[in-house]
Amino acid sequence: MAMRVSTLDDQLRSLVMRYVTGKLEEKRFLTAYRRLIRLRSLLNQ
């Protein structure tokens, strides 16, 4: 499971960087961010 969480953290970092650099619009960023956070919380239970 640690590997999955690490992969999710990497995806989250990548998502934030794409948003910060302007490669991703806000609406898409927020949707993807919420999904990743939900998935991470489910895996941490």
N, C-alpha and C. Protein backbone atom coordinates (compact mmCIF):
# COMPACT_ATOMS: atom_id res chain seq x y z
N MET A 1 0.82 -1.21 0.00
CA MET A 1 0.00 0.00 0.00
C MET A 1 0.86 1.26 0.00
N ALA A 2 2.03 1.22 0.63
CA ALA A 2 2.90 2.39 0.66
C ALA A 2 3.25 2.85 -0.75
N MET A 3 3.41 1.90 -1.65
CA MET A 3 3.74 2.25 -3.02
C MET A 3 2.58 3.00 -3.68
N ARG A 4 1.38 2.58 -3.42
CA ARG A 4 0.21 3.26 -4.00
C ARG A 4 0.11 4.69 -3.51
N VAL A 5 0.31 4.89 -2.21
CA VAL A 5 0.22 6.23 -1.64
C VAL A 5 1.33 7.10 -2.23
N SER A 6 2.53 6.54 -2.36
CA SER A 6 3.64 7.28 -2.95
C SER A 6 3.31 7.69 -4.38
N THR A 7 2.71 6.78 -5.14
CA THR A 7 2.32 7.09 -6.51
C THR A 7 1.26 8.19 -6.53
N LEU A 8 0.32 8.14 -5.60
CA LEU A 8 -0.70 9.18 -5.52
C LEU A 8 -0.08 10.52 -5.16
N ASP A 9 0.88 10.51 -4.25
CA ASP A 9 1.57 11.76 -3.89
C ASP A 9 2.30 12.34 -5.10
N ASP A 10 2.93 11.47 -5.88
CA ASP A 10 3.62 11.92 -7.09
C ASP A 10 2.62 12.52 -8.08
N GLN A 11 1.47 11.88 -8.23
CA GLN A 11 0.44 12.38 -9.13
C GLN A 11 -0.09 13.73 -8.64
N LEU A 12 -0.25 13.86 -7.34
CA LEU A 12 -0.73 15.11 -6.76
C LEU A 12 0.28 16.24 -7.00
N ARG A 13 1.55 15.95 -6.79
CA ARG A 13 2.60 16.94 -7.05
C ARG A 13 2.59 17.37 -8.52
N SER A 14 2.48 16.40 -9.40
CA SER A 14 2.46 16.67 -10.83
C SER A 14 1.25 17.53 -11.20
N LEU A 15 0.12 17.20 -10.63
CA LEU A 15 -1.12 17.95 -10.88
C LEU A 15 -0.96 19.41 -10.46
N VAL A 16 -0.43 19.63 -9.27
CA VAL A 16 -0.23 20.99 -8.76
C VAL A 16 0.74 21.76 -9.65
N MET A 17 1.81 21.11 -10.07
CA MET A 17 2.79 21.79 -10.93
C MET A 17 2.18 22.17 -12.28
N ARG A 18 1.35 21.29 -12.83
CA ARG A 18 0.69 21.61 -14.11
C ARG A 18 -0.25 22.80 -13.95
N TYR A 19 -0.92 22.88 -12.80
CA TYR A 19 -1.83 24.01 -12.56
C TYR A 19 -1.05 25.31 -12.36
N VAL A 20 0.01 25.23 -11.56
CA VAL A 20 0.80 26.42 -11.26
C VAL A 20 1.46 26.99 -12.51
N THR A 21 1.90 26.12 -13.41
CA THR A 21 2.56 26.59 -14.63
C THR A 21 1.56 26.99 -15.73
N GLY A 22 0.27 26.84 -15.44
CA GLY A 22 -0.74 27.27 -16.40
C GLY A 22 -1.11 26.24 -17.45
N LYS A 23 -0.66 25.01 -17.28
CA LYS A 23 -0.96 23.96 -18.26
C LYS A 23 -2.30 23.29 -18.01
N LEU A 24 -2.94 23.66 -16.91
CA LEU A 24 -4.21 23.04 -16.54
C LEU A 24 -5.16 24.12 -16.03
N GLU A 25 -6.37 24.15 -16.55
CA GLU A 25 -7.33 25.17 -16.11
C GLU A 25 -7.85 24.83 -14.71
N GLU A 26 -8.34 25.85 -14.02
CA GLU A 26 -8.73 25.71 -12.62
C GLU A 26 -9.81 24.65 -12.40
N LYS A 27 -10.82 24.65 -13.24
CA LYS A 27 -11.93 23.70 -13.06
C LYS A 27 -11.43 22.25 -13.14
N ARG A 28 -10.61 21.96 -14.13
CA ARG A 28 -10.06 20.60 -14.28
C ARG A 28 -9.13 20.26 -13.12
N PHE A 29 -8.35 21.25 -12.68
CA PHE A 29 -7.46 21.02 -11.55
C PHE A 29 -8.25 20.65 -10.30
N LEU A 30 -9.27 21.41 -9.99
CA LEU A 30 -10.06 21.16 -8.78
C LEU A 30 -10.73 19.79 -8.82
N THR A 31 -11.26 19.41 -9.97
CA THR A 31 -11.89 18.10 -10.11
C THR A 31 -10.88 16.98 -9.88
N ALA A 32 -9.74 17.07 -10.54
CA ALA A 32 -8.71 16.04 -10.40
C ALA A 32 -8.14 16.02 -8.98
N TYR A 33 -7.97 17.19 -8.39
CA TYR A 33 -7.43 17.28 -7.03
C TYR A 33 -8.36 16.59 -6.03
N ARG A 34 -9.65 16.89 -6.13
CA ARG A 34 -10.63 16.26 -5.23
C ARG A 34 -10.62 14.74 -5.37
N ARG A 35 -10.55 14.26 -6.60
CA ARG A 35 -10.55 12.81 -6.84
C ARG A 35 -9.31 12.15 -6.24
N LEU A 36 -8.15 12.78 -6.42
CA LEU A 36 -6.92 12.21 -5.86
C LEU A 36 -6.95 12.21 -4.34
N ILE A 37 -7.45 13.27 -3.74
CA ILE A 37 -7.52 13.34 -2.28
C ILE A 37 -8.47 12.28 -1.74
N ARG A 38 -9.63 12.11 -2.39
CA ARG A 38 -10.58 11.07 -1.97
C ARG A 38 -9.96 9.68 -2.07
N LEU A 39 -9.29 9.42 -3.17
CA LEU A 39 -8.65 8.12 -3.38
C LEU A 39 -7.57 7.88 -2.33
N ARG A 40 -6.78 8.90 -2.06
CA ARG A 40 -5.72 8.77 -1.04
C ARG A 40 -6.31 8.49 0.33
N SER A 41 -7.41 9.16 0.67
CA SER A 41 -8.02 8.93 1.98
C SER A 41 -8.62 7.53 2.07
N LEU A 42 -9.17 7.02 0.98
CA LEU A 42 -9.70 5.66 0.97
C LEU A 42 -8.60 4.62 1.16
N LEU A 43 -7.46 4.85 0.54
CA LEU A 43 -6.34 3.90 0.65
C LEU A 43 -5.67 3.96 2.02
N ASN A 44 -5.79 5.10 2.70
CA ASN A 44 -5.15 5.25 4.02
C ASN A 44 -5.99 4.66 5.15
N GLN A 45 -7.20 4.25 4.87
CA GLN A 45 -8.07 3.72 5.93
C GLN A 45 -7.67 2.33 6.34
